[in-house]
C-alpha cells in the first residue's frame, strides 16, 4: 500500500519561502487526488490545498490563495507545496494525504482522504 512521507519543513523567517515535498512509496499516486493539510498547536487540522490526480484541477483555502501553490509529478510519485511570503500564522505541522479518485475530482474535507503522511513541521519566526 502507498506510504507518504513529507519533507522540506523547517524554521524560517517571515517573508521566506519553502517547498514542501511528499514522496510516495509502495505504489503510484497517479490514480489519487491529493491534498495538503496543516495543524497548528491547539487547533484542529485544516485544509490547505488539493489537486486532482492529473494535476489539472486545484483548490486552495482562502487563507493561502496567492501565496501557496500545489503541484505534483506522478512519474516521480511526489506531491509539492510551494509556500511563499510565509507568515507567523503559517506555523503548523503540514500533512499530505491521498485518496483514489476519478479524474478532475478534488477534495477539501480531511475525512475523504485515506492515506496520510506523518507530517513536517513549519515554524515561521518573526
N, C-alpha and C. Protein backbone atom coordinates (compact mmCIF):
# COMPACT_ATOMS: atom_id res chain seq x y z
N UNK A 1 0.83 -1.17 0.00
CA UNK A 1 0.00 0.00 0.00
C UNK A 1 0.88 1.24 0.00
N UNK A 2 0.30 2.34 -0.47
CA UNK A 2 1.07 3.57 -0.59
C UNK A 2 1.35 4.16 0.78
N UNK A 3 2.60 4.56 0.95
CA UNK A 3 3.02 5.29 2.15
C UNK A 3 3.52 6.66 1.72
N UNK A 4 3.21 7.67 2.52
CA UNK A 4 3.56 9.05 2.20
C UNK A 4 4.51 9.60 3.25
N UNK A 5 5.52 10.31 2.77
CA UNK A 5 6.48 10.93 3.68
C UNK A 5 6.71 12.38 3.24
N UNK A 6 6.42 13.32 4.14
CA UNK A 6 6.65 14.72 3.86
C UNK A 6 8.08 15.13 4.22
N UNK A 7 8.56 16.16 3.54
CA UNK A 7 9.87 16.73 3.86
C UNK A 7 9.89 18.19 3.42
N UNK A 8 10.91 18.90 3.86
CA UNK A 8 11.07 20.28 3.43
C UNK A 8 10.70 21.33 4.46
N UNK A 9 10.15 20.90 5.58
CA UNK A 9 9.80 21.86 6.62
C UNK A 9 11.04 22.39 7.32
N UNK A 10 10.83 23.37 8.19
CA UNK A 10 11.95 23.92 8.94
C UNK A 10 11.59 25.20 9.63
N UNK A 11 12.61 25.84 10.19
CA UNK A 11 12.45 27.13 10.85
C UNK A 11 12.84 28.22 9.87
N UNK A 12 11.92 29.12 9.58
CA UNK A 12 12.16 30.17 8.60
C UNK A 12 11.71 31.51 9.17
N UNK A 13 12.05 32.57 8.45
CA UNK A 13 11.68 33.93 8.84
C UNK A 13 10.44 34.38 8.08
N UNK A 14 9.77 35.35 8.64
CA UNK A 14 8.62 35.96 7.96
C UNK A 14 9.07 36.43 6.57
N UNK A 15 8.25 36.10 5.57
CA UNK A 15 8.55 36.51 4.21
C UNK A 15 9.35 35.50 3.40
N UNK A 16 9.89 34.50 4.08
CA UNK A 16 10.67 33.47 3.39
C UNK A 16 9.75 32.55 2.58
N UNK A 17 10.39 31.68 1.82
CA UNK A 17 9.68 30.68 1.04
C UNK A 17 10.17 29.28 1.41
N UNK A 18 9.30 28.32 1.21
CA UNK A 18 9.64 26.92 1.43
C UNK A 18 8.97 26.09 0.34
N UNK A 19 9.57 24.95 0.04
CA UNK A 19 8.93 23.99 -0.84
C UNK A 19 8.84 22.67 -0.11
N UNK A 20 7.61 22.29 0.20
CA UNK A 20 7.39 21.00 0.85
C UNK A 20 7.22 19.92 -0.21
N UNK A 21 7.70 18.74 0.11
CA UNK A 21 7.55 17.59 -0.76
C UNK A 21 6.86 16.46 -0.01
N UNK A 22 6.17 15.65 -0.76
CA UNK A 22 5.52 14.46 -0.20
C UNK A 22 5.83 13.31 -1.15
N UNK A 23 6.70 12.43 -0.72
CA UNK A 23 7.12 11.31 -1.55
C UNK A 23 6.31 10.07 -1.22
N UNK A 24 5.85 9.40 -2.26
CA UNK A 24 5.07 8.18 -2.08
C UNK A 24 5.93 6.96 -2.37
N UNK A 25 5.72 5.93 -1.59
CA UNK A 25 6.38 4.65 -1.83
C UNK A 25 5.34 3.54 -1.73
N UNK A 26 5.65 2.42 -2.37
CA UNK A 26 4.75 1.28 -2.30
C UNK A 26 3.68 1.25 -3.37
N UNK A 27 3.66 2.26 -4.23
CA UNK A 27 2.68 2.28 -5.29
C UNK A 27 2.59 3.63 -5.95
N UNK A 28 1.90 3.73 -7.06
CA UNK A 28 1.79 5.01 -7.77
C UNK A 28 0.78 5.93 -7.11
N UNK A 29 0.89 7.21 -7.44
CA UNK A 29 -0.09 8.19 -6.96
C UNK A 29 -0.95 8.70 -8.09
N UNK A 30 -0.72 8.20 -9.29
CA UNK A 30 -1.39 8.74 -10.47
C UNK A 30 -2.90 8.54 -10.44
N UNK A 31 -3.37 7.63 -9.63
CA UNK A 31 -4.81 7.40 -9.53
C UNK A 31 -5.46 8.10 -8.35
N UNK A 32 -4.70 8.96 -7.69
CA UNK A 32 -5.16 9.56 -6.44
C UNK A 32 -5.27 11.07 -6.53
N UNK A 33 -6.37 11.60 -6.01
CA UNK A 33 -6.41 13.01 -5.67
C UNK A 33 -5.57 13.17 -4.41
N UNK A 34 -4.92 14.32 -4.30
CA UNK A 34 -4.04 14.53 -3.15
C UNK A 34 -4.27 15.90 -2.55
N UNK A 35 -3.87 16.02 -1.29
CA UNK A 35 -4.08 17.29 -0.62
C UNK A 35 -3.03 17.57 0.42
N UNK A 36 -2.97 18.82 0.81
CA UNK A 36 -2.17 19.28 1.92
C UNK A 36 -3.08 19.83 3.00
N UNK A 37 -2.79 19.47 4.21
CA UNK A 37 -3.49 19.98 5.38
C UNK A 37 -2.45 20.45 6.38
N UNK A 38 -2.88 21.23 7.36
CA UNK A 38 -1.96 21.66 8.40
C UNK A 38 -2.68 21.73 9.74
N UNK A 39 -1.89 21.59 10.79
CA UNK A 39 -2.45 21.67 12.14
C UNK A 39 -1.51 22.50 13.00
N UNK A 40 -2.03 23.60 13.48
CA UNK A 40 -1.27 24.47 14.37
C UNK A 40 -1.51 24.04 15.82
N UNK A 41 -0.61 24.38 16.72
CA UNK A 41 -0.78 23.99 18.12
C UNK A 41 -2.11 24.46 18.67
N UNK A 42 -2.83 23.54 19.29
CA UNK A 42 -4.10 23.88 19.92
C UNK A 42 -5.26 24.07 18.96
N UNK A 43 -5.02 23.80 17.68
CA UNK A 43 -6.08 23.98 16.68
C UNK A 43 -6.36 22.67 15.95
N UNK A 44 -7.51 22.64 15.29
CA UNK A 44 -7.86 21.47 14.50
C UNK A 44 -7.10 21.48 13.17
N UNK A 45 -6.97 20.28 12.61
CA UNK A 45 -6.35 20.18 11.30
C UNK A 45 -7.21 20.91 10.28
N UNK A 46 -6.57 21.67 9.38
CA UNK A 46 -7.33 22.43 8.40
C UNK A 46 -6.81 22.19 6.99
N UNK A 47 -7.72 22.33 6.06
CA UNK A 47 -7.41 22.17 4.65
C UNK A 47 -6.51 23.30 4.16
N UNK A 48 -5.55 22.95 3.30
CA UNK A 48 -4.66 23.94 2.71
C UNK A 48 -4.82 23.97 1.19
N UNK A 49 -4.66 22.80 0.56
CA UNK A 49 -4.72 22.75 -0.90
C UNK A 49 -5.01 21.33 -1.35
N UNK A 50 -5.58 21.22 -2.55
CA UNK A 50 -5.86 19.91 -3.12
C UNK A 50 -5.62 19.95 -4.62
N UNK A 51 -5.32 18.78 -5.19
CA UNK A 51 -5.02 18.68 -6.61
C UNK A 51 -5.57 17.37 -7.15
N UNK A 52 -6.15 17.43 -8.35
CA UNK A 52 -6.70 16.23 -8.96
C UNK A 52 -5.57 15.31 -9.42
N UNK A 53 -5.93 14.10 -9.76
CA UNK A 53 -4.89 13.10 -9.99
C UNK A 53 -4.04 13.43 -11.20
N UNK A 54 -4.60 14.13 -12.17
CA UNK A 54 -3.83 14.55 -13.34
C UNK A 54 -3.19 15.91 -13.19
N UNK A 55 -3.51 16.59 -12.09
CA UNK A 55 -2.92 17.90 -11.82
C UNK A 55 -3.61 19.06 -12.48
N UNK A 56 -4.74 18.81 -13.15
CA UNK A 56 -5.36 19.89 -13.92
C UNK A 56 -6.36 20.71 -13.11
N UNK A 57 -6.73 20.23 -11.95
CA UNK A 57 -7.68 20.96 -11.12
C UNK A 57 -7.10 21.09 -9.73
N UNK A 58 -7.14 22.31 -9.19
CA UNK A 58 -6.62 22.58 -7.86
C UNK A 58 -7.58 23.48 -7.10
N UNK A 59 -7.43 23.52 -5.81
CA UNK A 59 -8.20 24.43 -4.98
C UNK A 59 -7.38 24.73 -3.73
N UNK A 60 -7.63 25.91 -3.16
CA UNK A 60 -6.87 26.36 -2.00
C UNK A 60 -7.80 26.93 -0.94
N UNK A 61 -7.33 26.86 0.29
CA UNK A 61 -8.01 27.59 1.35
C UNK A 61 -7.84 29.08 1.09
N UNK A 62 -8.85 29.85 1.46
CA UNK A 62 -8.79 31.29 1.22
C UNK A 62 -7.57 31.93 1.88
N UNK A 63 -7.17 31.39 3.01
CA UNK A 63 -6.06 31.98 3.76
C UNK A 63 -4.70 31.84 3.07
N UNK A 64 -4.62 30.96 2.07
CA UNK A 64 -3.32 30.73 1.42
C UNK A 64 -3.33 31.06 -0.07
N UNK A 65 -4.49 31.43 -0.59
CA UNK A 65 -4.58 31.74 -2.03
C UNK A 65 -3.62 32.88 -2.38
N UNK A 66 -2.92 32.69 -3.47
CA UNK A 66 -1.96 33.69 -3.93
C UNK A 66 -0.58 33.53 -3.33
N UNK A 67 -0.44 32.73 -2.27
CA UNK A 67 0.87 32.51 -1.65
C UNK A 67 1.34 31.07 -1.78
N UNK A 68 0.42 30.13 -1.83
CA UNK A 68 0.75 28.72 -1.89
C UNK A 68 0.43 28.18 -3.28
N UNK A 69 1.21 27.20 -3.72
CA UNK A 69 0.96 26.54 -4.99
C UNK A 69 1.19 25.04 -4.85
N UNK A 70 0.17 24.27 -5.17
CA UNK A 70 0.27 22.81 -5.11
C UNK A 70 0.56 22.28 -6.51
N UNK A 71 1.40 21.26 -6.58
CA UNK A 71 1.72 20.63 -7.85
C UNK A 71 2.11 19.18 -7.59
N UNK A 72 2.24 18.43 -8.65
CA UNK A 72 2.59 17.02 -8.49
C UNK A 72 3.38 16.54 -9.70
N UNK A 73 4.19 15.52 -9.45
CA UNK A 73 4.93 14.84 -10.50
C UNK A 73 4.62 13.36 -10.34
N UNK A 74 3.66 12.88 -11.11
CA UNK A 74 3.24 11.49 -10.95
C UNK A 74 4.35 10.50 -11.31
N UNK A 75 5.17 10.86 -12.27
CA UNK A 75 6.26 9.96 -12.66
C UNK A 75 7.24 9.77 -11.51
N UNK A 76 7.44 10.83 -10.72
CA UNK A 76 8.34 10.75 -9.56
C UNK A 76 7.59 10.44 -8.28
N UNK A 77 6.28 10.25 -8.39
CA UNK A 77 5.46 9.91 -7.22
C UNK A 77 5.62 10.94 -6.09
N UNK A 78 5.58 12.19 -6.46
CA UNK A 78 5.83 13.24 -5.49
C UNK A 78 4.82 14.36 -5.63
N UNK A 79 4.36 14.84 -4.49
CA UNK A 79 3.47 15.99 -4.37
C UNK A 79 4.28 17.14 -3.79
N UNK A 80 3.98 18.36 -4.24
CA UNK A 80 4.72 19.53 -3.77
C UNK A 80 3.77 20.59 -3.23
N UNK A 81 4.30 21.42 -2.36
CA UNK A 81 3.60 22.61 -1.92
C UNK A 81 4.62 23.74 -1.84
N UNK A 82 4.52 24.68 -2.75
CA UNK A 82 5.37 25.86 -2.73
C UNK A 82 4.70 26.90 -1.84
N UNK A 83 5.43 27.36 -0.84
CA UNK A 83 4.88 28.32 0.11
C UNK A 83 5.72 29.59 0.04
N UNK A 84 5.08 30.68 -0.30
CA UNK A 84 5.77 31.97 -0.41
C UNK A 84 5.23 32.94 0.63
N UNK A 85 6.01 33.98 0.88
CA UNK A 85 5.60 35.05 1.80
C UNK A 85 5.07 34.49 3.11
N UNK A 86 5.87 33.66 3.73
CA UNK A 86 5.44 32.99 4.96
C UNK A 86 5.10 33.99 6.06
N UNK A 87 4.06 33.65 6.81
CA UNK A 87 3.58 34.46 7.92
C UNK A 87 3.65 33.63 9.20
N UNK A 88 3.69 34.27 10.35
CA UNK A 88 3.69 33.50 11.61
C UNK A 88 2.50 32.55 11.72
N UNK A 89 1.37 32.95 11.19
CA UNK A 89 0.18 32.09 11.28
C UNK A 89 0.25 30.86 10.37
N UNK A 90 1.29 30.76 9.56
CA UNK A 90 1.51 29.55 8.77
C UNK A 90 2.23 28.47 9.58
N UNK A 91 2.66 28.82 10.78
CA UNK A 91 3.32 27.84 11.63
C UNK A 91 2.38 26.69 11.95
N UNK A 92 2.81 25.47 11.61
CA UNK A 92 1.96 24.30 11.79
C UNK A 92 2.74 23.06 11.36
N UNK A 93 2.17 21.92 11.66
CA UNK A 93 2.62 20.67 11.05
C UNK A 93 1.83 20.49 9.77
N UNK A 94 2.54 20.28 8.68
CA UNK A 94 1.90 20.12 7.38
C UNK A 94 1.87 18.65 6.99
N UNK A 95 0.69 18.21 6.58
CA UNK A 95 0.46 16.81 6.22
C UNK A 95 0.04 16.70 4.76
N UNK A 96 0.52 15.66 4.08
CA UNK A 96 -0.03 15.35 2.78
C UNK A 96 -0.94 14.14 2.91
N UNK A 97 -1.88 14.04 1.99
CA UNK A 97 -2.87 12.98 2.04
C UNK A 97 -3.27 12.57 0.63
N UNK A 98 -3.76 11.35 0.50
CA UNK A 98 -4.13 10.83 -0.82
C UNK A 98 -5.39 9.98 -0.72
N UNK A 99 -6.14 9.96 -1.80
CA UNK A 99 -7.32 9.11 -1.90
C UNK A 99 -7.53 8.76 -3.37
N UNK A 100 -7.83 7.50 -3.64
CA UNK A 100 -8.15 7.10 -5.01
C UNK A 100 -9.38 7.86 -5.46
N UNK A 101 -9.31 8.43 -6.68
CA UNK A 101 -10.40 9.30 -7.11
C UNK A 101 -10.48 9.32 -8.63
N UNK A 102 -11.66 9.65 -9.14
CA UNK A 102 -11.78 9.85 -10.58
C UNK A 102 -11.01 11.10 -10.99
N UNK A 103 -10.71 11.17 -12.28
CA UNK A 103 -10.03 12.36 -12.76
C UNK A 103 -10.92 13.59 -12.54
N UNK A 104 -10.31 14.71 -12.31
CA UNK A 104 -10.95 16.02 -12.11
C UNK A 104 -11.57 16.18 -10.73
N UNK A 105 -11.54 15.13 -9.90
CA UNK A 105 -12.09 15.25 -8.55
C UNK A 105 -11.04 15.77 -7.58
N UNK A 106 -11.46 16.69 -6.76
CA UNK A 106 -10.62 17.20 -5.68
C UNK A 106 -11.45 17.25 -4.41
N UNK A 107 -10.78 17.19 -3.27
CA UNK A 107 -11.49 17.13 -2.00
C UNK A 107 -10.85 18.08 -0.99
N UNK A 108 -11.69 18.83 -0.34
CA UNK A 108 -11.19 19.73 0.71
C UNK A 108 -11.42 19.18 2.11
N UNK A 109 -12.21 18.11 2.22
CA UNK A 109 -12.52 17.56 3.54
C UNK A 109 -11.49 16.50 3.90
N UNK A 110 -10.92 16.61 5.09
CA UNK A 110 -9.91 15.64 5.50
C UNK A 110 -10.48 14.23 5.60
N UNK A 111 -11.76 14.11 5.88
CA UNK A 111 -12.39 12.80 6.04
C UNK A 111 -12.41 12.00 4.74
N UNK A 112 -12.21 12.68 3.62
CA UNK A 112 -12.20 12.00 2.33
C UNK A 112 -10.93 11.20 2.09
N UNK A 113 -9.87 11.59 2.76
CA UNK A 113 -8.55 11.02 2.48
C UNK A 113 -8.28 9.79 3.34
N UNK A 114 -7.59 8.81 2.74
CA UNK A 114 -7.35 7.55 3.44
C UNK A 114 -5.87 7.30 3.73
N UNK A 115 -5.00 7.98 3.01
CA UNK A 115 -3.56 7.83 3.25
C UNK A 115 -3.00 9.16 3.72
N UNK A 116 -2.22 9.12 4.78
CA UNK A 116 -1.66 10.32 5.37
C UNK A 116 -0.17 10.10 5.67
N UNK A 117 0.58 11.17 5.52
CA UNK A 117 1.96 11.15 5.96
C UNK A 117 2.05 11.55 7.42
N UNK A 118 3.22 11.41 8.02
CA UNK A 118 3.41 11.74 9.44
C UNK A 118 3.51 13.24 9.69
N UNK A 119 3.72 14.04 8.64
CA UNK A 119 3.79 15.49 8.79
C UNK A 119 5.20 16.03 8.84
N UNK A 120 5.31 17.30 8.49
CA UNK A 120 6.58 18.02 8.59
C UNK A 120 6.31 19.38 9.22
N UNK A 121 7.16 19.77 10.17
CA UNK A 121 6.94 20.99 10.92
C UNK A 121 7.44 22.20 10.15
N UNK A 122 6.60 23.22 10.08
CA UNK A 122 7.00 24.52 9.54
C UNK A 122 6.81 25.55 10.66
N UNK A 123 7.89 26.23 10.98
CA UNK A 123 7.84 27.25 12.01
C UNK A 123 8.32 28.57 11.42
N UNK A 124 7.47 29.58 11.52
CA UNK A 124 7.79 30.89 10.96
C UNK A 124 8.06 31.84 12.11
N UNK A 125 9.27 32.34 12.15
CA UNK A 125 9.70 33.23 13.23
C UNK A 125 9.65 34.68 12.77
N UNK A 126 9.14 35.52 13.66
CA UNK A 126 9.10 36.95 13.35
C UNK A 126 10.27 37.66 14.03
